């Protein structure tokens, strides 16, 4: 199964020039169940995958019929921003 391979460059240290790379995220994402919006992401340095999907109102909106409900991409973004 082919995954999406993405790299994200983060420059968060005060005084950094935008070309100064301080972090590089290597993530592989597999679309596990397209109809039900389930994705499995592997982050370099971690052995266990992260799962993204739908739940609650979002699940109902997409008329997904998942056996297991997973946090949505938005849930992960909100959690990261709140930390």
C-alpha atoms as a PDB file:
ATOM      1  CA  UNK A   1       0.000   0.000   0.000  1.00  0.00           C
ATOM      2  CA  UNK A   2       1.429   3.364  -0.982  1.00  0.00           C
ATOM      3  CA  UNK A   3       1.341   6.169   1.557  1.00  0.00           C
ATOM      4  CA  UNK A   4       1.670   9.912   1.401  1.00  0.00           C
ATOM      5  CA  UNK A   5       5.114  11.038   2.489  1.00  0.00           C
ATOM      6  CA  UNK A   6       5.292  14.571   3.827  1.00  0.00           C
ATOM      7  CA  UNK A   7       7.942  16.772   5.341  1.00  0.00           C
ATOM      8  CA  UNK A   8       7.226  19.784   7.495  1.00  0.00           C
ATOM      9  CA  UNK A   9       9.858  22.368   8.309  1.00  0.00           C
ATOM     10  CA  UNK A  10       9.410  24.126  11.663  1.00  0.00           C
ATOM     11  CA  UNK A  11      11.220  27.317  12.583  1.00  0.00           C
ATOM     12  CA  UNK A  12      10.031  28.276  16.044  1.00  0.00           C
ATOM     13  CA  UNK A  13      13.153  29.465  17.829  1.00  0.00           C
ATOM     14  CA  UNK A  14      13.231  33.229  18.316  1.00  0.00           C
ATOM     15  CA  UNK A  15      15.841  34.854  16.159  1.00  0.00           C
ATOM     16  CA  UNK A  16      15.950  32.064  13.574  1.00  0.00           C
ATOM     17  CA  UNK A  17      16.278  32.942   9.964  1.00  0.00           C
ATOM     18  CA  UNK A  18      13.614  31.171   7.927  1.00  0.00           C
ATOM     19  CA  UNK A  19      16.265  29.092   6.203  1.00  0.00           C
ATOM     20  CA  UNK A  20      17.490  27.713   9.582  1.00  0.00           C
ATOM     21  CA  UNK A  21      15.958  24.277   9.909  1.00  0.00           C
ATOM     22  CA  UNK A  22      15.443  23.165  13.510  1.00  0.00           C
ATOM     23  CA  UNK A  23      13.006  20.293  13.024  1.00  0.00           C
ATOM     24  CA  UNK A  24      11.920  17.995  10.233  1.00  0.00           C
ATOM     25  CA  UNK A  25       8.852  15.757  10.495  1.00  0.00           C
ATOM     26  CA  UNK A  26       8.814  12.607   8.404  1.00  0.00           C
ATOM     27  CA  UNK A  27       5.314  11.167   8.294  1.00  0.00           C
ATOM     28  CA  UNK A  28       3.810   8.395   6.178  1.00  0.00           C
ATOM     29  CA  UNK A  29       0.014   8.341   5.894  1.00  0.00           C
ATOM     30  CA  UNK A  30      -2.101   5.447   4.632  1.00  0.00           C
ATOM     31  CA  UNK A  31      -5.732   5.857   3.626  1.00  0.00           C
ATOM     32  CA  UNK A  32      -7.150   2.748   5.333  1.00  0.00           C
ATOM     33  CA  UNK A  33     -10.864   3.139   4.634  1.00  0.00           C
ATOM     34  CA  UNK A  34     -11.664   5.927   2.200  1.00  0.00           C
ATOM     35  CA  UNK A  35     -15.455   5.695   2.562  1.00  0.00           C
ATOM     36  CA  UNK A  36     -15.213   6.119   6.333  1.00  0.00           C
ATOM     37  CA  UNK A  37     -12.386   8.684   6.342  1.00  0.00           C
ATOM     38  CA  UNK A  38      -9.932   6.526   8.341  1.00  0.00           C
ATOM     39  CA  UNK A  39      -6.219   7.289   7.980  1.00  0.00           C
ATOM     40  CA  UNK A  40      -3.200   5.708   9.661  1.00  0.00           C
ATOM     41  CA  UNK A  41      -0.115   7.894  10.174  1.00  0.00           C
ATOM     42  CA  UNK A  42       3.388   6.773  11.068  1.00  0.00           C
ATOM     43  CA  UNK A  43       5.658   9.445  12.525  1.00  0.00           C
ATOM     44  CA  UNK A  44       9.399   8.790  12.301  1.00  0.00           C
ATOM     45  CA  UNK A  45      10.732   7.919  15.741  1.00  0.00           C
ATOM     46  CA  UNK A  46       7.496   6.338  16.996  1.00  0.00           C
ATOM     47  CA  UNK A  47       6.550   2.694  16.536  1.00  0.00           C
ATOM     48  CA  UNK A  48       2.794   2.986  17.028  1.00  0.00           C
ATOM     49  CA  UNK A  49       0.657   4.688  14.365  1.00  0.00           C
ATOM     50  CA  UNK A  50      -1.716   7.571  14.960  1.00  0.00           C
ATOM     51  CA  UNK A  51      -5.237   7.104  13.653  1.00  0.00           C
ATOM     52  CA  UNK A  52      -7.428   9.827  12.220  1.00  0.00           C
ATOM     53  CA  UNK A  53     -11.070   9.429  11.365  1.00  0.00           C
ATOM     54  CA  UNK A  54     -14.472  10.812  12.220  1.00  0.00           C
ATOM     55  CA  UNK A  55     -16.818  10.725  15.199  1.00  0.00           C
ATOM     56  CA  UNK A  56     -20.023  12.317  16.444  1.00  0.00           C
ATOM     57  CA  UNK A  57     -21.515  15.024  14.242  1.00  0.00           C
ATOM     58  CA  UNK A  58     -18.745  14.789  11.661  1.00  0.00           C
ATOM     59  CA  UNK A  59     -19.375  11.058  11.360  1.00  0.00           C
ATOM     60  CA  UNK A  60     -23.085  11.731  10.868  1.00  0.00           C
ATOM     61  CA  UNK A  61     -22.407  14.493   8.317  1.00  0.00           C
ATOM     62  CA  UNK A  62     -20.300  12.156   6.155  1.00  0.00           C
ATOM     63  CA  UNK A  63     -22.729   9.267   6.734  1.00  0.00           C
ATOM     64  CA  UNK A  64     -19.754   7.135   7.739  1.00  0.00           C
ATOM     65  CA  UNK A  65     -20.447   3.732   9.241  1.00  0.00           C
ATOM     66  CA  UNK A  66     -17.295   3.108  11.234  1.00  0.00           C
ATOM     67  CA  UNK A  67     -16.949   0.281  13.742  1.00  0.00           C
ATOM     68  CA  UNK A  68     -14.491   2.407  15.719  1.00  0.00           C
ATOM     69  CA  UNK A  69     -14.641   6.187  15.945  1.00  0.00           C
ATOM     70  CA  UNK A  70     -11.289   8.012  15.788  1.00  0.00           C
ATOM     71  CA  UNK A  71     -10.378  11.637  16.521  1.00  0.00           C
ATOM     72  CA  UNK A  72     -10.575  13.848  13.457  1.00  0.00           C
ATOM     73  CA  UNK A  73      -7.711  15.831  12.006  1.00  0.00           C
ATOM     74  CA  UNK A  74      -9.258  18.930  13.578  1.00  0.00           C
ATOM     75  CA  UNK A  75      -9.250  17.246  17.004  1.00  0.00           C
ATOM     76  CA  UNK A  76      -5.491  16.672  16.714  1.00  0.00           C
ATOM     77  CA  UNK A  77      -4.865  20.265  15.613  1.00  0.00           C
ATOM     78  CA  UNK A  78      -6.916  21.701  18.491  1.00  0.00           C
ATOM     79  CA  UNK A  79      -5.168  19.419  20.999  1.00  0.00           C
ATOM     80  CA  UNK A  80      -1.737  20.452  19.698  1.00  0.00           C
ATOM     81  CA  UNK A  81      -2.584  24.164  19.782  1.00  0.00           C
ATOM     82  CA  UNK A  82      -3.917  23.868  23.325  1.00  0.00           C
ATOM     83  CA  UNK A  83      -0.697  22.338  24.600  1.00  0.00           C
END
